C-alpha atoms as a PDB file:
ATOM      1  CA  MET A   1      -1.843  31.711 -44.710  1.00  0.00           C
ATOM      2  CA  LEU A   2       0.089  34.544 -42.490  1.00  0.00           C
ATOM      3  CA  TRP A   3      -1.411  33.103 -39.303  1.00  0.00           C
ATOM      4  CA  LYS A   4       0.189  30.019 -40.099  1.00  0.00           C
ATOM      5  CA  ARG A   5       3.960  31.412 -40.030  1.00  0.00           C
ATOM      6  CA  PRO A   6       4.173  32.177 -35.925  1.00  0.00           C
ATOM      7  CA  PHE A   7       3.563  28.266 -35.369  1.00  0.00           C
ATOM      8  CA  PHE A   8       5.677  26.939 -38.390  1.00  0.00           C
ATOM      9  CA  PHE A   9       8.734  28.779 -36.490  1.00  0.00           C
ATOM     10  CA  ARG A  10       7.671  27.509 -33.497  1.00  0.00           C
ATOM     11  CA  GLY A  11       7.930  23.934 -34.617  1.00  0.00           C
ATOM     12  CA  LEU A  12      11.101  24.678 -36.159  1.00  0.00           C
ATOM     13  CA  GLU A  13      12.296  26.011 -32.960  1.00  0.00           C
ATOM     14  CA  VAL A  14      11.436  22.879 -30.885  1.00  0.00           C
ATOM     15  CA  TYR A  15      12.580  20.751 -33.640  1.00  0.00           C
ATOM     16  CA  SER A  16      16.127  22.429 -33.741  1.00  0.00           C
ATOM     17  CA  TYR A  17      16.202  22.215 -29.637  1.00  0.00           C
ATOM     18  CA  GLU A  18      15.330  18.342 -30.114  1.00  0.00           C
ATOM     19  CA  LEU A  19      17.760  17.878 -32.429  1.00  0.00           C
ATOM     20  CA  LYS A  20      20.506  19.747 -30.315  1.00  0.00           C
ATOM     21  CA  LEU A  21      19.383  17.288 -27.353  1.00  0.00           C
ATOM     22  CA  LEU A  22      19.607  13.992 -29.456  1.00  0.00           C
ATOM     23  CA  ILE A  23      23.015  14.964 -30.674  1.00  0.00           C
ATOM     24  CA  LEU A  24      24.206  15.791 -27.075  1.00  0.00           C
ATOM     25  CA  TRP A  25      22.549  12.373 -26.206  1.00  0.00           C
ATOM     26  CA  ASP A  26      24.846  10.514 -28.747  1.00  0.00           C
ATOM     27  CA  SER A  27      27.652  12.199 -27.924  1.00  0.00           C
ATOM     28  CA  ALA A  28      27.433  11.229 -24.165  1.00  0.00           C
ATOM     29  CA  SER A  29      26.606   7.597 -24.688  1.00  0.00           C
ATOM     30  CA  ILE A  30      29.661   7.284 -27.125  1.00  0.00           C
ATOM     31  CA  HIS A  31      31.677   8.897 -24.315  1.00  0.00           C
ATOM     32  CA  LEU A  32      30.410   6.548 -21.786  1.00  0.00           C
ATOM     33  CA  ALA A  33      30.984   3.321 -23.997  1.00  0.00           C
ATOM     34  CA  ALA A  34      34.586   4.570 -24.629  1.00  0.00           C
ATOM     35  CA  ALA A  35      35.221   4.710 -21.043  1.00  0.00           C
END
């Protein structure tokens, strides 16, 4: 079970990074649409 933990945390890291990118992309597209 312990050997799976680093991969799990790595997955969380990548997931949160992609989530940030998605939010940035969303706000950018909304900004462009409003302009």
